[in-house]
């Protein structure tokens, strides 16, 4: 894969998103004097209109922020919570042995818009109504249905339980829909309201409507579940490695797992690099260990029954390292653990020295498949995707807890003030593909172009419930060199070649020389600078 033509340079602004319209709108905010945080709100809102199956106002967000003049990176998480009435007995009383994958009982509380309010209150320089105007206008006029929009809608349309939502999105699933415009009057109404109300007023409006919906569908969400802010803004979780600081959002995102992966890879990295058979094998062994640690220990630290171990404690890392076999594939440690496209990422930087990397999600395509049609708000199914009813599981259903969340972006800072910001969509793949890119950058010393050009691969099964029944194998890009393929097979791996593995990786670099950006072209979108 040759990516040289996808590189972009600029001095005033740079944005890379999954929608060309969102990228252009973010750059317009920056050109008109807004900062990266303003542009992030505009991009986030527009992506819910242009990629409604992948993210929405009822979903989650996780971001890492770099603020001009501040050395410490900040993490912004706004993650939905389980209903206050959600305990294992509530599901078993309904005759269920697990949390349903979709439907009202899979739902967490809407969280994305709380991230906008929190970011705007702390760093915004333009009125929120102005920043949401491009999303309002596009929802009213219609978002262009691209081939990816049409395909992803068709693949997930069956999730939508309510006729009002099916009627809206069925138009985008038609074979002749590409190039047409899809109007979403509910989102137009919601984002107009969000620009006029404060955070508390909007949460009250959502509490009333979501509460009524939950009652109608025999759900567990109550109005009081939606009244508190979900946004958390504080120091990012960091790791010092190879003269750099890597920053990710904290638990319950899987960001800390990437730091575990990098710390372990630095100890086992072969001279041939992460793209060699030896490097890919070692990383797959590491993923086996850290995914198992996630299933045993990762949880919402705000809802504590017992403290979560420090994922970067030297003793924890040493124990994980003892499970890595550098010569042969180890059996998956967590196969059978469970008894029983959906995300988008963007990066943006301004001329002032601020930068943001941001991931948002509805859980799975169209989330829970139910919501408030008059506001275009589909609920997120993260509870159904992630949590269990097992009493001894770290991520079991707990009232008010935030389920473990696959979404996270990352940043890398050096001592000279240079920064790299990146991320990717893609469930459990995020932890693996982000590790592959950052390992190449940090340990192998690869350039961003080289790191994003390397063939991608995925270790299965991951730790997400949706991957519980996957066979133990590596799926690899069809571009993988045959000698590397044979070297992995020799180490005991079952391999499957795929036309393309993984979601799109986006990377932004800031420094004295200006701004630089790149994406790997695996999905639609645009990287642009000025």
Protein backbone atom coordinates (compact mmCIF):
# COMPACT_ATOMS: atom_id res chain seq x y z
CA UNK A 1 0.00 0.00 0.00
CA UNK A 2 1.52 3.33 -1.13
CA UNK A 3 0.31 6.30 0.89
CA UNK A 4 2.67 9.13 -0.14
CA UNK A 5 -0.10 10.99 -1.96
CA UNK A 6 -2.25 11.01 1.19
CA UNK A 7 0.20 13.16 3.15
CA UNK A 8 -0.82 16.75 3.91
CA UNK A 9 1.12 19.72 5.32
CA UNK A 10 -0.06 23.05 6.69
CA UNK A 11 0.71 25.90 9.07
CA UNK A 12 -2.68 27.26 10.19
CA UNK A 13 -4.88 24.20 10.59
CA UNK A 14 -5.18 20.49 9.89
CA UNK A 15 -8.08 18.07 10.22
CA UNK A 16 -8.61 14.42 9.36
CA UNK A 17 -12.07 12.87 9.77
CA UNK A 18 -14.22 10.10 8.37
CA UNK A 19 -16.31 12.55 6.33
CA UNK A 20 -15.03 15.10 3.83
CA UNK A 21 -17.81 17.44 4.92
CA UNK A 22 -16.76 17.21 8.58
CA UNK A 23 -13.13 17.88 7.66
CA UNK A 24 -14.04 20.95 5.58
CA UNK A 25 -16.35 22.27 8.31
CA UNK A 26 -13.66 21.82 10.98
CA UNK A 27 -11.14 23.70 8.82
CA UNK A 28 -13.68 26.49 8.29
CA UNK A 29 -14.05 26.91 12.06
CA UNK A 30 -10.26 27.14 12.38
CA UNK A 31 -9.89 29.55 9.45
CA UNK A 32 -12.50 31.83 11.01
CA UNK A 33 -10.49 32.10 14.23
CA UNK A 34 -11.86 29.23 16.27
CA UNK A 35 -9.55 26.84 18.08
CA UNK A 36 -9.08 23.08 17.84
CA UNK A 37 -11.62 22.46 20.59
CA UNK A 38 -14.28 24.46 18.74
CA UNK A 39 -13.49 22.53 15.56
CA UNK A 40 -13.70 19.22 17.42
CA UNK A 41 -17.28 19.97 18.49
CA UNK A 42 -18.24 20.84 14.91
CA UNK A 43 -16.58 17.72 13.51
CA UNK A 44 -18.08 15.45 16.17
CA UNK A 45 -21.62 16.70 15.54
CA UNK A 46 -21.30 16.51 11.75
CA UNK A 47 -19.97 12.94 11.90
CA UNK A 48 -23.18 11.85 13.65
CA UNK A 49 -25.12 13.25 10.67
CA UNK A 50 -22.78 11.96 7.95
CA UNK A 51 -22.08 8.58 9.62
CA UNK A 52 -25.21 7.96 11.76
CA UNK A 53 -24.74 4.20 11.96
CA UNK A 54 -21.24 4.66 13.44
CA UNK A 55 -21.87 7.36 16.04
CA UNK A 56 -24.68 9.44 17.42
CA UNK A 57 -25.80 11.76 20.22
CA UNK A 58 -26.83 8.76 22.31
CA UNK A 59 -23.32 7.31 22.20
CA UNK A 60 -19.93 7.76 23.84
CA UNK A 61 -16.76 9.80 23.32
CA UNK A 62 -13.13 9.52 24.43
CA UNK A 63 -10.45 12.06 23.55
CA UNK A 64 -6.95 13.21 24.39
CA UNK A 65 -6.37 16.97 24.34
CA UNK A 66 -3.19 18.99 24.11
CA UNK A 67 -3.58 22.59 25.27
CA UNK A 68 -1.19 25.30 24.19
CA UNK A 69 1.44 25.98 26.84
CA UNK A 70 0.54 22.96 28.98
CA UNK A 71 2.84 19.95 29.20
CA UNK A 72 0.30 17.52 30.68
CA UNK A 73 -2.09 15.96 28.14
CA UNK A 74 -5.72 15.86 29.20
CA UNK A 75 -8.24 13.08 28.74
CA UNK A 76 -11.90 13.79 28.05
CA UNK A 77 -14.19 10.81 28.52
CA UNK A 78 -17.96 10.93 28.25
CA UNK A 79 -19.17 7.34 28.52
CA UNK A 80 -22.70 6.07 29.07
CA UNK A 81 -23.66 4.36 32.30
CA UNK A 82 -25.79 1.36 33.12
CA UNK A 83 -29.24 2.26 34.43
CA UNK A 84 -29.59 2.56 38.19
CA UNK A 85 -31.96 -0.42 38.10
CA UNK A 86 -29.54 -2.58 36.10
CA UNK A 87 -28.42 -5.51 38.22
CA UNK A 88 -28.29 -9.19 37.26
CA UNK A 89 -31.63 -9.89 38.93
CA UNK A 90 -33.40 -7.34 36.69
CA UNK A 91 -32.35 -9.31 33.62
CA UNK A 92 -33.01 -12.74 35.08
CA UNK A 93 -36.49 -11.63 36.19
CA UNK A 94 -37.14 -11.04 32.48
CA UNK A 95 -36.03 -14.59 31.67
CA UNK A 96 -32.62 -13.55 30.32
CA UNK A 97 -29.32 -15.34 30.86
CA UNK A 98 -27.22 -12.50 29.49
CA UNK A 99 -27.53 -8.83 28.58
CA UNK A 100 -29.15 -8.63 25.14
CA UNK A 101 -26.91 -7.42 22.34
CA UNK A 102 -29.45 -4.83 21.12
CA UNK A 103 -32.78 -3.42 22.24
CA UNK A 104 -33.67 -1.20 25.16
CA UNK A 105 -32.10 -3.56 27.73
CA UNK A 106 -28.71 -3.25 25.98
CA UNK A 107 -28.71 0.54 26.43
CA UNK A 108 -26.49 2.88 28.36
CA UNK A 109 -27.29 6.54 29.05
CA UNK A 110 -26.60 9.11 26.27
CA UNK A 111 -23.18 10.71 26.79
CA UNK A 112 -21.74 12.29 23.63
CA UNK A 113 -23.32 15.71 23.95
CA UNK A 114 -22.04 16.08 27.51
CA UNK A 115 -18.54 15.96 25.99
CA UNK A 116 -19.42 18.94 23.77
CA UNK A 117 -20.74 20.97 26.68
CA UNK A 118 -17.73 20.18 28.89
CA UNK A 119 -15.22 20.97 26.15
CA UNK A 120 -17.01 24.17 25.22
CA UNK A 121 -17.24 25.37 28.83
CA UNK A 122 -13.52 24.81 29.43
CA UNK A 123 -11.94 25.75 26.09
CA UNK A 124 -14.58 26.98 23.64
CA UNK A 125 -14.12 30.37 21.98
CA UNK A 126 -17.22 30.46 19.74
CA UNK A 127 -20.92 30.12 20.67
CA UNK A 128 -22.05 26.51 20.81
CA UNK A 129 -25.01 27.28 18.56
CA UNK A 130 -22.56 28.47 15.89
CA UNK A 131 -20.41 25.35 16.22
CA UNK A 132 -23.44 23.08 15.81
CA UNK A 133 -24.84 25.02 12.84
CA UNK A 134 -23.12 22.89 10.14
CA UNK A 135 -24.64 19.73 11.65
CA UNK A 136 -28.08 21.37 11.88
CA UNK A 137 -27.87 22.56 8.26
CA UNK A 138 -26.68 19.19 6.95
CA UNK A 139 -29.37 17.28 8.85
CA UNK A 140 -31.99 19.62 7.38
CA UNK A 141 -30.66 19.71 3.80
CA UNK A 142 -29.58 16.08 3.75
CA UNK A 143 -26.25 14.31 4.15
CA UNK A 144 -24.91 12.86 0.92
CA UNK A 145 -25.18 9.07 0.87
CA UNK A 146 -21.73 7.76 -0.06
CA UNK A 147 -20.99 4.16 -1.01
CA UNK A 148 -19.72 3.47 2.52
CA UNK A 149 -22.80 5.15 4.04
CA UNK A 150 -25.05 3.01 1.86
CA UNK A 151 -23.18 -0.24 2.58
CA UNK A 152 -22.95 0.27 6.35
CA UNK A 153 -26.63 1.24 6.53
CA UNK A 154 -27.68 -1.84 4.55
CA UNK A 155 -25.58 -4.11 6.77
CA UNK A 156 -27.09 -2.76 10.00
CA UNK A 157 -30.65 -1.80 9.03
CA UNK A 158 -32.12 -4.91 10.68
CA UNK A 159 -31.01 -3.60 14.08
CA UNK A 160 -33.56 -0.76 13.95
CA UNK A 161 -36.66 -1.87 15.87
CA UNK A 162 -38.82 1.25 15.53
CA UNK A 163 -40.63 1.94 12.24
CA UNK A 164 -39.83 5.66 12.45
CA UNK A 165 -36.08 5.00 12.40
CA UNK A 166 -36.34 2.24 9.78
CA UNK A 167 -38.28 4.55 7.48
CA UNK A 168 -35.59 7.26 7.68
CA UNK A 169 -32.58 5.01 7.12
CA UNK A 170 -34.11 2.52 4.69
CA UNK A 171 -33.84 5.25 2.06
CA UNK A 172 -30.05 5.18 2.42
CA UNK A 173 -29.88 1.40 2.08
CA UNK A 174 -31.43 1.29 -1.40
CA UNK A 175 -29.02 0.28 -4.20
CA UNK A 176 -29.69 3.56 -6.02
CA UNK A 177 -29.18 5.69 -2.88
CA UNK A 178 -25.50 6.56 -3.50
CA UNK A 179 -25.28 10.23 -4.42
CA UNK A 180 -28.69 11.12 -3.00
CA UNK A 181 -29.25 13.12 0.17
CA UNK A 182 -30.67 11.77 3.42
CA UNK A 183 -32.52 14.27 5.61
CA UNK A 184 -32.57 13.62 9.36
CA UNK A 185 -35.12 16.02 10.83
CA UNK A 186 -34.75 14.52 14.29
CA UNK A 187 -31.08 15.43 14.50
CA UNK A 188 -31.87 18.89 13.10
CA UNK A 189 -34.35 19.38 15.94
CA UNK A 190 -32.02 17.99 18.62
CA UNK A 191 -28.95 20.02 17.65
CA UNK A 192 -30.98 23.21 17.33
CA UNK A 193 -32.18 22.55 20.87
CA UNK A 194 -28.63 21.78 22.08
CA UNK A 195 -27.39 25.13 20.77
CA UNK A 196 -30.09 26.96 22.70
CA UNK A 197 -30.15 25.10 26.02
CA UNK A 198 -27.50 24.69 28.67
CA UNK A 199 -26.27 21.22 29.58
CA UNK A 200 -28.73 20.78 32.45
CA UNK A 201 -31.68 21.87 30.34
CA UNK A 202 -30.84 19.45 27.56
CA UNK A 203 -30.28 16.56 29.97
CA UNK A 204 -33.71 17.23 31.50
CA UNK A 205 -35.31 17.16 28.05
CA UNK A 206 -33.59 13.86 27.23
CA UNK A 207 -34.45 12.42 30.64
CA UNK A 208 -38.16 12.97 30.07
CA UNK A 209 -38.20 11.52 26.56
CA UNK A 210 -35.85 8.58 27.14
CA UNK A 211 -37.62 7.77 30.39
CA UNK A 212 -40.97 7.54 28.58
CA UNK A 213 -39.43 5.35 25.88
CA UNK A 214 -37.92 2.99 28.45
CA UNK A 215 -41.25 2.64 30.24
CA UNK A 216 -43.03 1.87 26.97
CA UNK A 217 -40.50 -0.83 26.06
CA UNK A 218 -40.10 -2.33 29.57
CA UNK A 219 -36.54 -1.03 29.85
CA UNK A 220 -34.50 -0.10 32.89
CA UNK A 221 -33.58 3.52 32.13
CA UNK A 222 -35.25 6.04 34.44
CA UNK A 223 -35.29 9.85 34.06
CA UNK A 224 -32.93 10.31 37.02
CA UNK A 225 -30.30 8.17 35.25
CA UNK A 226 -29.82 10.91 32.65
CA UNK A 227 -29.57 14.01 34.83
CA UNK A 228 -25.90 13.91 35.87
CA UNK A 229 -23.09 14.88 33.48
CA UNK A 230 -21.09 12.04 31.97
CA UNK A 231 -18.07 14.14 31.01
CA UNK A 232 -14.79 13.67 32.87
CA UNK A 233 -11.87 15.97 32.08
CA UNK A 234 -8.53 15.33 33.78
CA UNK A 235 -4.98 14.07 33.32
CA UNK A 236 -4.54 11.38 30.69
CA UNK A 237 -3.08 7.98 31.58
CA UNK A 238 0.55 8.02 30.43
CA UNK A 239 3.60 5.83 29.86
CA UNK A 240 7.19 7.01 29.42
CA UNK A 241 8.90 4.94 26.74
CA UNK A 242 11.85 5.47 24.38
CA UNK A 243 12.17 9.13 25.39
CA UNK A 244 8.50 9.83 24.70
CA UNK A 245 5.29 10.17 26.67
CA UNK A 246 2.33 8.16 25.36
CA UNK A 247 -1.08 9.35 26.53
CA UNK A 248 -4.48 7.62 26.40
CA UNK A 249 -7.84 8.03 28.17
CA UNK A 250 -8.11 6.12 31.46
CA UNK A 251 -10.21 3.10 32.39
CA UNK A 252 -12.86 2.00 31.69
CA UNK A 253 -11.60 2.59 28.13
CA UNK A 254 -9.11 0.06 26.80
CA UNK A 255 -6.47 2.77 26.46
CA UNK A 256 -4.40 1.33 29.34
CA UNK A 257 -4.15 -1.98 27.45
CA UNK A 258 -2.28 -0.25 24.63
CA UNK A 259 0.22 1.07 27.17
CA UNK A 260 0.66 -2.47 28.51
CA UNK A 261 1.20 -3.70 24.95
CA UNK A 262 3.88 -1.10 24.26
CA UNK A 263 5.70 -1.64 27.54
CA UNK A 264 5.83 -5.39 26.90
CA UNK A 265 6.80 -5.03 23.23
CA UNK A 266 9.74 -2.83 24.19
CA UNK A 267 11.04 -5.79 26.23
CA UNK A 268 10.55 -8.42 23.51
CA UNK A 269 10.98 -6.43 20.27
CA UNK A 270 13.03 -8.35 17.68
CA UNK A 271 15.66 -6.60 15.58
CA UNK A 272 13.59 -7.25 12.45
CA UNK A 273 10.86 -4.88 13.68
CA UNK A 274 7.11 -5.09 14.29
CA UNK A 275 6.28 -5.84 10.65
CA UNK A 276 8.38 -9.03 10.58
CA UNK A 277 7.12 -12.51 11.37
CA UNK A 278 8.97 -12.38 14.70
CA UNK A 279 7.51 -8.97 15.53
CA UNK A 280 3.95 -9.88 14.61
CA UNK A 281 4.21 -13.12 16.56
CA UNK A 282 5.47 -11.37 19.69
CA UNK A 283 2.70 -8.78 19.49
CA UNK A 284 0.06 -11.48 19.08
CA UNK A 285 1.40 -13.21 22.19
CA UNK A 286 1.23 -9.91 24.05
CA UNK A 287 -2.37 -9.29 22.93
CA UNK A 288 -3.28 -12.74 24.25
CA UNK A 289 -1.93 -11.78 27.67
CA UNK A 290 -3.31 -8.23 27.93
CA UNK A 291 -6.79 -9.13 26.66
CA UNK A 292 -6.94 -11.80 29.36
CA UNK A 293 -5.86 -9.18 31.96
CA UNK A 294 -8.65 -6.92 30.69
CA UNK A 295 -11.26 -9.61 31.20
CA UNK A 296 -10.04 -10.37 34.70
CA UNK A 297 -9.44 -6.83 35.97
CA UNK A 298 -10.60 -3.88 33.83
CA UNK A 299 -13.68 -2.10 35.20
CA UNK A 300 -15.15 1.30 35.97
CA UNK A 301 -12.92 2.71 38.73
CA UNK A 302 -15.75 5.01 39.85
CA UNK A 303 -17.89 2.04 40.92
CA UNK A 304 -15.63 0.14 43.26
CA UNK A 305 -16.22 -3.18 44.96
CA UNK A 306 -12.48 -3.85 45.03
CA UNK A 307 -9.64 -1.69 43.66
CA UNK A 308 -8.56 -2.29 40.08
CA UNK A 309 -4.85 -3.22 39.85
CA UNK A 310 -2.56 -0.63 38.29
CA UNK A 311 -2.23 -1.87 34.69
CA UNK A 312 1.33 -0.52 34.48
CA UNK A 313 2.57 -1.83 37.82
CA UNK A 314 5.98 -3.51 37.24
CA UNK A 315 4.73 -6.68 38.91
CA UNK A 316 1.67 -6.80 36.64
CA UNK A 317 3.81 -6.29 33.53
CA UNK A 318 6.33 -8.90 34.68
CA UNK A 319 3.56 -11.46 35.18
CA UNK A 320 2.13 -10.73 31.74
CA UNK A 321 5.58 -10.99 30.20
CA UNK A 322 6.10 -14.46 31.64
CA UNK A 323 3.21 -15.68 29.50
CA UNK A 324 4.79 -14.57 26.21
CA UNK A 325 6.35 -17.36 24.14
CA UNK A 326 8.70 -15.77 21.61
CA UNK A 327 8.94 -18.96 19.54
CA UNK A 328 5.49 -20.54 19.28
CA UNK A 329 1.85 -19.51 19.39
CA UNK A 330 0.25 -19.93 22.79
CA UNK A 331 -3.36 -21.09 23.07
CA UNK A 332 -5.80 -18.27 23.67
CA UNK A 333 -6.00 -17.78 27.44
CA UNK A 334 -9.64 -16.70 27.45
CA UNK A 335 -11.28 -18.83 24.73
CA UNK A 336 -14.76 -19.74 25.97
CA UNK A 337 -14.63 -16.91 28.50
CA UNK A 338 -18.22 -15.86 27.82
CA UNK A 339 -21.03 -18.32 28.37
CA UNK A 340 -23.24 -16.80 25.89
CA UNK A 341 -18.47 -0.87 12.49
CA UNK A 342 -19.72 1.26 14.71
CA UNK A 343 -17.16 3.91 15.59
CA UNK A 344 -15.46 6.93 14.03
CA UNK A 345 -12.24 8.80 14.83
CA UNK A 346 -10.83 12.23 13.96
CA UNK A 347 -7.85 14.48 14.70
CA UNK A 348 -7.62 18.27 14.50
CA UNK A 349 -4.96 20.90 15.27
CA UNK A 350 -4.90 24.71 15.16
CA UNK A 351 -2.27 27.39 14.66
CA UNK A 352 -2.31 28.27 18.36
CA UNK A 353 -0.73 24.99 19.47
CA UNK A 354 -3.88 23.09 20.51
CA UNK A 355 -4.66 19.62 19.21
CA UNK A 356 -7.35 16.96 19.73
CA UNK A 357 -7.67 13.27 18.90
CA UNK A 358 -11.21 11.94 19.42
CA UNK A 359 -13.18 8.68 19.06
CA UNK A 360 -16.96 8.37 19.31
CA UNK A 361 -19.23 5.36 19.03
CA UNK A 362 -22.75 3.94 19.30
CA UNK A 363 -21.40 0.54 20.40
CA UNK A 364 -22.39 -1.41 17.27
CA UNK A 365 -23.99 -0.27 14.02
CA UNK A 366 -27.06 1.87 14.92
CA UNK A 367 -26.40 1.04 18.58
CA UNK A 368 -29.29 -0.46 20.52
CA UNK A 369 -31.63 -0.01 17.55
CA UNK A 370 -34.12 1.95 19.67
CA UNK A 371 -34.30 5.57 20.75
CA UNK A 372 -36.24 8.81 20.42
CA UNK A 373 -37.12 9.21 16.72
CA UNK A 374 -38.37 12.79 17.02
CA UNK A 375 -34.85 13.78 18.14
CA UNK A 376 -32.93 11.36 15.92
CA UNK A 377 -31.37 9.90 19.09
CA UNK A 378 -30.51 6.21 18.99
CA UNK A 379 -29.34 4.72 22.27
CA UNK A 380 -25.92 3.09 22.59
CA UNK A 381 -25.77 -0.68 23.16
CA UNK A 382 -22.46 -0.68 25.08
CA UNK A 383 -24.06 -2.51 28.03
CA UNK A 384 -25.15 -5.35 25.76
CA UNK A 385 -21.89 -5.35 23.85
CA UNK A 386 -19.61 -5.38 26.88
CA UNK A 387 -21.16 -6.37 30.23
CA UNK A 388 -22.11 -9.76 31.63
CA UNK A 389 -24.31 -11.09 34.43
CA UNK A 390 -21.58 -13.30 35.90
CA UNK A 391 -21.16 -12.39 39.59
CA UNK A 392 -17.36 -12.81 39.54
CA UNK A 393 -16.72 -10.88 36.30
CA UNK A 394 -14.79 -7.60 36.56
CA UNK A 395 -17.12 -6.00 33.97
CA UNK A 396 -20.40 -7.41 35.25
CA UNK A 397 -23.53 -5.30 35.23
CA UNK A 398 -23.53 -2.83 38.11
CA UNK A 399 -26.07 -0.04 38.66
CA UNK A 400 -24.68 3.24 37.33
CA UNK A 401 -21.37 1.74 36.16
CA UNK A 402 -19.71 2.61 32.88
CA UNK A 403 -19.11 -0.64 30.95
CA UNK A 404 -15.58 -1.31 29.70
CA UNK A 405 -15.31 0.57 26.43
CA UNK A 406 -13.17 -0.32 23.41
CA UNK A 407 -12.84 3.30 22.21
CA UNK A 408 -9.69 5.32 22.79
CA UNK A 409 -7.26 7.53 20.83
CA UNK A 410 -3.60 8.19 21.66
CA UNK A 411 -0.90 10.85 21.57
CA UNK A 412 2.91 10.73 21.66
CA UNK A 413 4.96 13.71 22.92
CA UNK A 414 8.74 14.20 22.78
CA UNK A 415 10.99 16.43 24.88
CA UNK A 416 11.30 18.98 22.06
CA UNK A 417 7.60 19.80 22.07
CA UNK A 418 6.67 17.67 19.05
CA UNK A 419 3.46 15.70 19.20
CA UNK A 420 1.78 12.93 17.27
CA UNK A 421 -1.92 12.23 17.66
CA UNK A 422 -3.71 9.23 16.25
CA UNK A 423 -6.36 6.59 16.48
CA UNK A 424 -8.67 4.28 14.56
CA UNK A 425 -12.23 2.92 14.77
CA UNK A 426 -12.93 -0.77 15.13
CA UNK A 427 -13.91 -2.41 18.43
CA UNK A 428 -11.20 -4.61 19.96
CA UNK A 429 -9.16 -4.02 16.81
CA UNK A 430 -8.45 -0.48 18.06
CA UNK A 431 -6.19 -1.80 20.80
CA UNK A 432 -4.28 -3.96 18.30
CA UNK A 433 -4.01 -1.56 15.35
CA UNK A 434 -3.12 1.41 17.55
CA UNK A 435 -0.41 -0.72 19.13
CA UNK A 436 0.92 -1.74 15.71
CA UNK A 437 1.21 1.91 14.61
CA UNK A 438 2.71 3.22 17.85
CA UNK A 439 5.11 0.29 18.23
CA UNK A 440 6.45 1.00 14.75
CA UNK A 441 6.83 4.70 15.59
CA UNK A 442 8.36 4.35 19.06
CA UNK A 443 10.30 1.10 19.13
CA UNK A 444 11.16 0.55 15.47
CA UNK A 445 11.79 4.24 14.78
CA UNK A 446 9.52 4.23 11.72
CA UNK A 447 8.23 7.41 10.09
CA UNK A 448 4.46 8.03 10.16
CA UNK A 449 4.32 7.13 6.47
CA UNK A 450 6.08 3.83 7.12
CA UNK A 451 4.01 3.05 10.23
CA UNK A 452 0.72 3.48 8.34
CA UNK A 453 1.98 1.66 5.25
CA UNK A 454 2.86 -1.59 7.06
CA UNK A 455 0.40 -4.44 6.40
CA UNK A 456 -2.25 -4.59 9.11
CA UNK A 457 -3.34 -7.69 10.97
CA UNK A 458 -5.74 -8.74 13.73
CA UNK A 459 -5.43 -11.39 16.44
CA UNK A 460 -8.65 -13.34 17.11
CA UNK A 461 -10.52 -13.78 19.32
CA UNK A 462 -10.47 -10.38 20.98
CA UNK A 463 -11.86 -9.76 24.45
CA UNK A 464 -15.15 -8.17 23.31
CA UNK A 465 -18.34 -10.23 23.72
CA UNK A 466 -18.98 -9.87 19.99
CA UNK A 467 -15.80 -11.86 19.26
CA UNK A 468 -16.31 -14.63 21.81
CA UNK A 469 -16.96 -17.34 19.23
CA UNK A 470 -14.24 -16.38 16.73
CA UNK A 471 -11.63 -19.06 15.94
CA UNK A 472 -8.02 -18.58 17.04
CA UNK A 473 -6.35 -17.06 13.99
CA UNK A 474 -4.57 -14.06 12.55
CA UNK A 475 -6.34 -12.15 9.80
CA UNK A 476 -3.74 -10.35 7.69
CA UNK A 477 -3.68 -7.88 4.81
CA UNK A 478 -3.37 -9.57 1.44
CA UNK A 479 -0.26 -7.41 0.89
CA UNK A 480 1.64 -9.26 3.63
CA UNK A 481 4.93 -10.61 2.26
CA UNK A 482 4.83 -14.36 1.63
CA UNK A 483 7.98 -14.95 3.69
CA UNK A 484 6.36 -13.22 6.68
CA UNK A 485 3.21 -15.26 6.14
CA UNK A 486 5.20 -18.50 6.15
CA UNK A 487 7.22 -17.40 9.19
CA UNK A 488 4.00 -16.91 11.16
CA UNK A 489 2.60 -20.25 10.00
CA UNK A 490 5.84 -21.89 11.13
CA UNK A 491 5.25 -20.43 14.61
CA UNK A 492 1.88 -22.16 14.80
CA UNK A 493 -0.50 -19.46 13.61
CA UNK A 494 -3.55 -20.10 11.47
CA UNK A 495 -3.67 -17.23 8.98
CA UNK A 496 -6.42 -15.82 6.77
CA UNK A 497 -5.64 -13.26 4.07
CA UNK A 498 -8.13 -10.39 3.74
CA UNK A 499 -8.45 -7.67 1.09
CA UNK A 500 -8.18 -5.09 3.88
CA UNK A 501 -7.85 -5.48 7.63
CA UNK A 502 -9.08 -2.93 10.11
CA UNK A 503 -10.48 0.56 10.22
CA UNK A 504 -8.73 3.65 8.92
CA UNK A 505 -5.77 4.95 10.93
CA UNK A 506 -5.37 8.73 11.10
CA UNK A 507 -2.25 10.50 12.32
CA UNK A 508 -1.49 14.17 12.92
CA UNK A 509 1.94 15.60 13.78
CA UNK A 510 2.67 19.02 15.26
CA UNK A 511 6.06 20.66 15.69
CA UNK A 512 8.23 23.64 14.82
CA UNK A 513 7.95 22.78 11.13
CA UNK A 514 4.17 23.15 11.08
CA UNK A 515 1.41 20.57 10.82
CA UNK A 516 1.49 17.21 9.06
CA UNK A 517 -1.32 14.71 8.59
CA UNK A 518 -1.92 11.32 7.02
CA UNK A 519 -4.58 8.63 6.84
CA UNK A 520 -4.19 5.14 5.42
CA UNK A 521 -7.19 5.25 3.07
CA UNK A 522 -8.92 2.13 4.39
CA UNK A 523 -12.22 4.00 4.71
CA UNK A 524 -13.81 7.16 3.39
CA UNK A 525 -12.99 10.60 4.73
CA UNK A 526 -10.52 13.39 4.17
CA UNK A 527 -7.23 14.65 5.57
CA UNK A 528 -6.66 18.33 4.69
CA UNK A 529 -4.57 21.26 5.88
CA UNK A 530 -4.18 24.97 5.25
